[in-house]
Amino acid sequence: MARIAGVDLPREKRVEVGLTYIYGIGINLSKKILEATKVDPDTRVKDLTEDQVATIRDYIEKNGIPVEGTLRSKIQMNIKGLQDIGCYRGIRHRKHLPVRGQRSKQNARTAKGGVRKTVSHSKKKDK
């Protein structure tokens, strides 16, 4: 089983796709890593040798590619910095609203969180 950056890669997937299971590595970076380490992208993860796994692991570490925990903490520190200086994006993050210009009148359920609560009007009583 190939374990890179603390993530078990799925055994039946191609290496090119399997590397994308690591947080911070997309398909383009995966292709670049495999090209630099001279590993065939069409091989399955289960068919990788220990040497190939080690070269991929070393390439990620030596080139300083932020993955998993370091990348998550870096992103959180950037958001905290925006909140500390009180800029518009930081305020939107603090209020749990969309940050990148999306409208929030109709949608933004994911950002606002929870289920919308409808407020109904009461019937007027006859006098």
N, C-alpha and C. Protein backbone atom coordinates (compact mmCIF):
# COMPACT_ATOMS: atom_id res chain seq x y z
N MET A 1 0.85 -1.19 0.00
CA MET A 1 0.00 0.00 0.00
C MET A 1 0.88 1.24 0.00
N ALA A 2 0.60 2.16 -0.90
CA ALA A 2 1.38 3.38 -1.02
C ALA A 2 0.85 4.42 -0.04
N ARG A 3 1.73 4.91 0.82
CA ARG A 3 1.36 5.93 1.80
C ARG A 3 2.29 7.11 1.60
N ILE A 4 1.71 8.22 1.15
CA ILE A 4 2.50 9.42 0.88
C ILE A 4 1.85 10.57 1.64
N ALA A 5 2.66 11.33 2.37
CA ALA A 5 2.20 12.50 3.15
C ALA A 5 1.08 12.13 4.11
N GLY A 6 1.15 10.93 4.67
CA GLY A 6 0.15 10.51 5.65
C GLY A 6 -1.18 10.08 5.06
N VAL A 7 -1.24 9.89 3.74
CA VAL A 7 -2.48 9.50 3.07
C VAL A 7 -2.28 8.16 2.38
N ASP A 8 -3.19 7.24 2.61
CA ASP A 8 -3.17 5.97 1.88
C ASP A 8 -3.80 6.20 0.51
N LEU A 9 -3.04 5.95 -0.54
CA LEU A 9 -3.56 6.14 -1.89
C LEU A 9 -4.43 4.94 -2.27
N PRO A 10 -5.52 5.17 -3.01
CA PRO A 10 -6.37 4.05 -3.42
C PRO A 10 -5.62 3.11 -4.36
N ARG A 11 -5.69 1.83 -4.07
CA ARG A 11 -4.86 0.84 -4.77
C ARG A 11 -5.22 0.65 -6.23
N GLU A 12 -6.48 0.71 -6.58
CA GLU A 12 -6.91 0.39 -7.94
C GLU A 12 -6.82 1.56 -8.92
N LYS A 13 -6.59 2.76 -8.43
CA LYS A 13 -6.53 3.94 -9.32
C LYS A 13 -5.16 4.05 -9.97
N ARG A 14 -5.14 4.80 -11.08
CA ARG A 14 -3.87 5.12 -11.71
C ARG A 14 -3.12 6.08 -10.79
N VAL A 15 -1.80 6.08 -10.86
CA VAL A 15 -0.98 6.90 -9.97
C VAL A 15 -1.30 8.38 -10.17
N GLU A 16 -1.53 8.76 -11.42
CA GLU A 16 -1.82 10.15 -11.76
C GLU A 16 -3.05 10.64 -10.99
N VAL A 17 -4.07 9.82 -10.88
CA VAL A 17 -5.30 10.19 -10.18
C VAL A 17 -5.14 9.93 -8.69
N GLY A 18 -4.42 8.88 -8.33
CA GLY A 18 -4.25 8.54 -6.92
C GLY A 18 -3.56 9.64 -6.13
N LEU A 19 -2.61 10.33 -6.74
CA LEU A 19 -1.91 11.40 -6.04
C LEU A 19 -2.83 12.57 -5.71
N THR A 20 -3.91 12.72 -6.45
CA THR A 20 -4.83 13.84 -6.18
C THR A 20 -5.63 13.63 -4.90
N TYR A 21 -5.54 12.44 -4.29
CA TYR A 21 -6.20 12.21 -3.00
C TYR A 21 -5.46 12.91 -1.87
N ILE A 22 -4.25 13.39 -2.15
CA ILE A 22 -3.48 14.14 -1.16
C ILE A 22 -3.93 15.60 -1.25
N TYR A 23 -4.29 16.18 -0.11
CA TYR A 23 -4.76 17.56 -0.07
C TYR A 23 -3.63 18.48 -0.51
N GLY A 24 -3.89 19.26 -1.55
CA GLY A 24 -2.88 20.19 -2.06
C GLY A 24 -2.27 19.75 -3.37
N ILE A 25 -2.58 18.53 -3.83
CA ILE A 25 -2.06 18.05 -5.11
C ILE A 25 -3.24 17.83 -6.04
N GLY A 26 -3.27 18.61 -7.12
CA GLY A 26 -4.30 18.46 -8.14
C GLY A 26 -3.75 17.63 -9.29
N ILE A 27 -4.51 17.56 -10.36
CA ILE A 27 -4.11 16.73 -11.50
C ILE A 27 -2.88 17.29 -12.20
N ASN A 28 -2.79 18.61 -12.33
CA ASN A 28 -1.63 19.19 -13.02
C ASN A 28 -0.34 18.99 -12.23
N LEU A 29 -0.40 19.22 -10.93
CA LEU A 29 0.78 19.01 -10.09
C LEU A 29 1.15 17.53 -10.05
N SER A 30 0.14 16.67 -10.07
CA SER A 30 0.39 15.23 -10.10
C SER A 30 1.16 14.84 -11.36
N LYS A 31 0.75 15.37 -12.50
CA LYS A 31 1.46 15.09 -13.75
C LYS A 31 2.90 15.59 -13.70
N LYS A 32 3.09 16.78 -13.12
CA LYS A 32 4.43 17.35 -13.02
C LYS A 32 5.33 16.50 -12.12
N ILE A 33 4.78 16.02 -11.00
CA ILE A 33 5.55 15.19 -10.08
C ILE A 33 5.96 13.88 -10.76
N LEU A 34 5.02 13.25 -11.46
CA LEU A 34 5.32 11.98 -12.11
C LEU A 34 6.32 12.14 -13.25
N GLU A 35 6.24 13.27 -13.94
CA GLU A 35 7.19 13.53 -15.03
C GLU A 35 8.59 13.74 -14.46
N ALA A 36 8.69 14.45 -13.34
CA ALA A 36 10.00 14.72 -12.74
C ALA A 36 10.61 13.47 -12.13
N THR A 37 9.78 12.59 -11.58
CA THR A 37 10.30 11.37 -10.95
C THR A 37 10.39 10.20 -11.93
N LYS A 38 9.98 10.43 -13.17
CA LYS A 38 10.04 9.41 -14.23
C LYS A 38 9.24 8.16 -13.88
N VAL A 39 8.05 8.37 -13.31
CA VAL A 39 7.12 7.27 -13.02
C VAL A 39 6.02 7.33 -14.06
N ASP A 40 5.67 6.17 -14.64
CA ASP A 40 4.64 6.10 -15.67
C ASP A 40 3.27 6.43 -15.05
N PRO A 41 2.57 7.45 -15.57
CA PRO A 41 1.28 7.83 -14.98
C PRO A 41 0.19 6.78 -15.15
N ASP A 42 0.37 5.84 -16.08
CA ASP A 42 -0.67 4.84 -16.34
C ASP A 42 -0.58 3.63 -15.40
N THR A 43 0.49 3.52 -14.62
CA THR A 43 0.58 2.38 -13.71
C THR A 43 -0.39 2.55 -12.55
N ARG A 44 -0.85 1.44 -12.05
CA ARG A 44 -1.76 1.46 -10.90
C ARG A 44 -0.95 1.62 -9.62
N VAL A 45 -1.60 2.16 -8.60
CA VAL A 45 -0.91 2.40 -7.33
C VAL A 45 -0.41 1.09 -6.73
N LYS A 46 -1.19 0.02 -6.89
CA LYS A 46 -0.78 -1.28 -6.32
C LYS A 46 0.46 -1.84 -7.01
N ASP A 47 0.73 -1.40 -8.24
CA ASP A 47 1.88 -1.90 -8.99
C ASP A 47 3.15 -1.08 -8.77
N LEU A 48 3.08 -0.02 -7.97
CA LEU A 48 4.26 0.81 -7.71
C LEU A 48 5.24 0.03 -6.83
N THR A 49 6.52 0.22 -7.13
CA THR A 49 7.54 -0.38 -6.28
C THR A 49 7.82 0.56 -5.11
N GLU A 50 8.49 0.04 -4.09
CA GLU A 50 8.83 0.87 -2.93
C GLU A 50 9.76 2.01 -3.33
N ASP A 51 10.65 1.75 -4.30
CA ASP A 51 11.56 2.80 -4.76
C ASP A 51 10.81 3.95 -5.42
N GLN A 52 9.81 3.61 -6.23
CA GLN A 52 9.02 4.66 -6.89
C GLN A 52 8.25 5.48 -5.87
N VAL A 53 7.66 4.82 -4.89
CA VAL A 53 6.93 5.54 -3.84
C VAL A 53 7.87 6.45 -3.07
N ALA A 54 9.07 5.95 -2.78
CA ALA A 54 10.06 6.75 -2.06
C ALA A 54 10.51 7.96 -2.86
N THR A 55 10.69 7.79 -4.19
CA THR A 55 11.11 8.93 -5.01
C THR A 55 10.02 9.99 -5.08
N ILE A 56 8.76 9.56 -5.17
CA ILE A 56 7.65 10.53 -5.18
C ILE A 56 7.59 11.27 -3.85
N ARG A 57 7.72 10.52 -2.75
CA ARG A 57 7.69 11.12 -1.41
C ARG A 57 8.83 12.12 -1.24
N ASP A 58 10.04 11.75 -1.68
CA ASP A 58 11.20 12.63 -1.56
C ASP A 58 11.04 13.89 -2.41
N TYR A 59 10.48 13.72 -3.62
CA TYR A 59 10.29 14.87 -4.50
C TYR A 59 9.36 15.90 -3.86
N ILE A 60 8.28 15.41 -3.24
CA ILE A 60 7.31 16.32 -2.60
C ILE A 60 7.97 17.04 -1.43
N GLU A 61 8.76 16.33 -0.64
CA GLU A 61 9.42 16.94 0.52
C GLU A 61 10.52 17.91 0.11
N LYS A 62 11.37 17.52 -0.85
CA LYS A 62 12.53 18.34 -1.21
C LYS A 62 12.13 19.62 -1.93
N ASN A 63 11.06 19.58 -2.70
CA ASN A 63 10.64 20.78 -3.43
C ASN A 63 9.73 21.68 -2.61
N GLY A 64 9.48 21.30 -1.38
CA GLY A 64 8.71 22.15 -0.48
C GLY A 64 7.26 22.34 -0.91
N ILE A 65 6.68 21.32 -1.50
CA ILE A 65 5.27 21.41 -1.91
C ILE A 65 4.42 21.27 -0.65
N PRO A 66 3.67 22.33 -0.29
CA PRO A 66 2.85 22.23 0.93
C PRO A 66 1.67 21.30 0.70
N VAL A 67 1.55 20.28 1.54
CA VAL A 67 0.45 19.32 1.43
C VAL A 67 -0.12 19.05 2.82
N GLU A 68 -1.35 18.57 2.83
CA GLU A 68 -2.04 18.14 4.04
C GLU A 68 -1.98 19.18 5.16
N GLY A 69 -1.45 18.82 6.32
CA GLY A 69 -1.51 19.67 7.52
C GLY A 69 -0.83 21.01 7.36
N THR A 70 0.34 21.05 6.71
CA THR A 70 1.04 22.32 6.56
C THR A 70 0.25 23.28 5.68
N LEU A 71 -0.35 22.76 4.63
CA LEU A 71 -1.14 23.60 3.74
C LEU A 71 -2.40 24.11 4.43
N ARG A 72 -3.07 23.22 5.18
CA ARG A 72 -4.28 23.62 5.91
C ARG A 72 -3.96 24.71 6.92
N SER A 73 -2.86 24.55 7.66
CA SER A 73 -2.51 25.56 8.66
C SER A 73 -2.11 26.87 8.00
N LYS A 74 -1.45 26.78 6.84
CA LYS A 74 -1.05 27.99 6.11
C LYS A 74 -2.29 28.78 5.66
N ILE A 75 -3.29 28.06 5.16
CA ILE A 75 -4.52 28.70 4.72
C ILE A 75 -5.24 29.35 5.90
N GLN A 76 -5.30 28.63 7.04
CA GLN A 76 -5.96 29.17 8.22
C GLN A 76 -5.25 30.42 8.73
N MET A 77 -3.92 30.43 8.66
CA MET A 77 -3.16 31.61 9.10
C MET A 77 -3.42 32.80 8.18
N ASN A 78 -3.55 32.53 6.87
CA ASN A 78 -3.86 33.61 5.93
C ASN A 78 -5.23 34.21 6.22
N ILE A 79 -6.21 33.35 6.51
CA ILE A 79 -7.56 33.83 6.82
C ILE A 79 -7.55 34.62 8.12
N LYS A 80 -6.80 34.12 9.11
CA LYS A 80 -6.71 34.83 10.39
C LYS A 80 -6.08 36.20 10.20
N GLY A 81 -5.07 36.29 9.33
CA GLY A 81 -4.43 37.58 9.05
C GLY A 81 -5.41 38.56 8.42
N LEU A 82 -6.26 38.07 7.50
CA LEU A 82 -7.26 38.93 6.89
C LEU A 82 -8.26 39.43 7.94
N GLN A 83 -8.62 38.56 8.88
CA GLN A 83 -9.56 38.95 9.92
C GLN A 83 -8.93 39.96 10.87
N ASP A 84 -7.65 39.78 11.17
CA ASP A 84 -6.97 40.68 12.10
C ASP A 84 -6.85 42.10 11.56
N ILE A 85 -6.57 42.23 10.27
CA ILE A 85 -6.43 43.59 9.73
C ILE A 85 -7.78 44.22 9.43
N GLY A 86 -8.85 43.42 9.50
CA GLY A 86 -10.20 43.96 9.36
C GLY A 86 -10.57 44.32 7.94
N CYS A 87 -9.98 43.66 6.96
CA CYS A 87 -10.33 43.96 5.58
C CYS A 87 -11.68 43.32 5.23
N TYR A 88 -12.20 43.66 4.09
CA TYR A 88 -13.53 43.20 3.68
C TYR A 88 -13.61 41.69 3.66
N ARG A 89 -12.61 41.05 3.05
CA ARG A 89 -12.61 39.58 3.00
C ARG A 89 -12.55 38.96 4.38
N GLY A 90 -11.78 39.57 5.28
CA GLY A 90 -11.70 39.07 6.65
C GLY A 90 -13.02 39.17 7.38
N ILE A 91 -13.73 40.26 7.16
CA ILE A 91 -15.04 40.45 7.79
C ILE A 91 -16.02 39.42 7.26
N ARG A 92 -15.99 39.16 5.95
CA ARG A 92 -16.88 38.15 5.36
C ARG A 92 -16.57 36.76 5.92
N HIS A 93 -15.28 36.46 6.10
CA HIS A 93 -14.91 35.18 6.70
C HIS A 93 -15.46 35.09 8.12
N ARG A 94 -15.31 36.17 8.89
CA ARG A 94 -15.74 36.17 10.28
C ARG A 94 -17.25 35.96 10.40
N LYS A 95 -18.02 36.51 9.45
CA LYS A 95 -19.47 36.40 9.48
C LYS A 95 -19.99 35.14 8.80
N HIS A 96 -19.08 34.31 8.30
CA HIS A 96 -19.45 33.08 7.58
C HIS A 96 -20.35 33.37 6.39
N LEU A 97 -19.93 34.36 5.59
CA LEU A 97 -20.64 34.73 4.38
C LEU A 97 -19.73 34.46 3.18
N PRO A 98 -20.29 34.43 1.96
CA PRO A 98 -19.44 34.23 0.78
C PRO A 98 -18.40 35.34 0.65
N VAL A 99 -17.18 34.96 0.30
CA VAL A 99 -16.07 35.90 0.31
C VAL A 99 -15.78 36.45 -1.08
N ARG A 100 -16.07 35.69 -2.12
CA ARG A 100 -15.59 36.04 -3.45
C ARG A 100 -16.64 36.66 -4.35
N GLY A 101 -17.49 37.50 -3.79
CA GLY A 101 -18.38 38.29 -4.62
C GLY A 101 -19.70 37.65 -4.98
N GLN A 102 -20.01 36.48 -4.44
CA GLN A 102 -21.28 35.85 -4.77
C GLN A 102 -22.42 36.60 -4.07
N ARG A 103 -23.60 36.49 -4.65
CA ARG A 103 -24.74 37.11 -4.00
C ARG A 103 -25.15 36.27 -2.80
N SER A 104 -25.74 36.94 -1.82
CA SER A 104 -26.13 36.20 -0.62
C SER A 104 -27.58 36.43 -0.25
N LYS A 105 -28.34 37.08 -1.13
CA LYS A 105 -29.75 37.32 -0.82
C LYS A 105 -30.55 36.04 -1.00
N GLN A 106 -30.41 35.38 -2.14
CA GLN A 106 -31.19 34.19 -2.40
C GLN A 106 -30.48 32.92 -1.94
N ASN A 107 -29.21 32.79 -2.26
CA ASN A 107 -28.52 31.52 -2.06
C ASN A 107 -27.55 31.59 -0.88
N ALA A 108 -26.38 31.06 -1.04
CA ALA A 108 -25.32 31.04 -0.03
C ALA A 108 -25.67 30.17 1.17
N ARG A 109 -26.43 29.10 0.94
CA ARG A 109 -26.80 28.20 2.04
C ARG A 109 -25.57 27.51 2.62
N THR A 110 -24.62 27.13 1.78
CA THR A 110 -23.44 26.44 2.28
C THR A 110 -22.63 27.37 3.17
N ALA A 111 -22.44 28.59 2.73
CA ALA A 111 -21.64 29.53 3.51
C ALA A 111 -22.35 29.93 4.80
N LYS A 112 -23.64 30.20 4.71
CA LYS A 112 -24.38 30.62 5.90
C LYS A 112 -24.60 29.46 6.86
N GLY A 113 -24.72 28.27 6.31
CA GLY A 113 -24.88 27.08 7.12
C GLY A 113 -26.32 26.87 7.56
N GLY A 114 -26.65 25.62 7.77
CA GLY A 114 -27.98 25.30 8.29
C GLY A 114 -29.06 25.37 7.24
N VAL A 115 -30.27 25.12 7.71
CA VAL A 115 -31.45 25.12 6.86
C VAL A 115 -32.16 26.45 7.05
N ARG A 116 -32.68 26.98 5.96
CA ARG A 116 -33.37 28.25 6.03
C ARG A 116 -34.65 28.10 6.84
N LYS A 117 -34.88 29.05 7.72
CA LYS A 117 -36.09 29.06 8.53
C LYS A 117 -37.04 30.09 7.94
N THR A 118 -38.19 29.65 7.51
CA THR A 118 -39.16 30.58 6.94
C THR A 118 -39.97 31.20 8.06
N VAL A 119 -40.21 32.48 7.91
CA VAL A 119 -41.02 33.21 8.89
C VAL A 119 -42.38 33.44 8.25
N SER A 120 -43.39 32.84 8.83
CA SER A 120 -44.73 33.00 8.24
C SER A 120 -45.46 34.17 8.90
N HIS A 121 -46.36 34.74 8.14
CA HIS A 121 -47.15 35.85 8.69
C HIS A 121 -48.41 35.26 9.30
N SER A 122 -48.88 35.87 10.36
CA SER A 122 -50.07 35.34 11.03
C SER A 122 -51.32 35.96 10.41
N LYS A 123 -52.43 35.20 10.49
CA LYS A 123 -53.69 35.70 9.94
C LYS A 123 -54.23 36.81 10.80
N LYS A 124 -54.86 37.79 10.15
CA LYS A 124 -55.50 38.86 10.91
C LYS A 124 -56.81 38.35 11.45
N LYS A 125 -57.08 38.68 12.67
CA LYS A 125 -58.33 38.25 13.28
C LYS A 125 -59.44 39.24 12.95
N ASP A 126 -60.62 38.70 12.68
CA ASP A 126 -61.77 39.57 12.42
C ASP A 126 -62.26 40.17 13.72
N LYS A 127 -62.64 41.44 13.68
CA LYS A 127 -63.13 42.10 14.89
C LYS A 127 -64.58 42.42 14.74
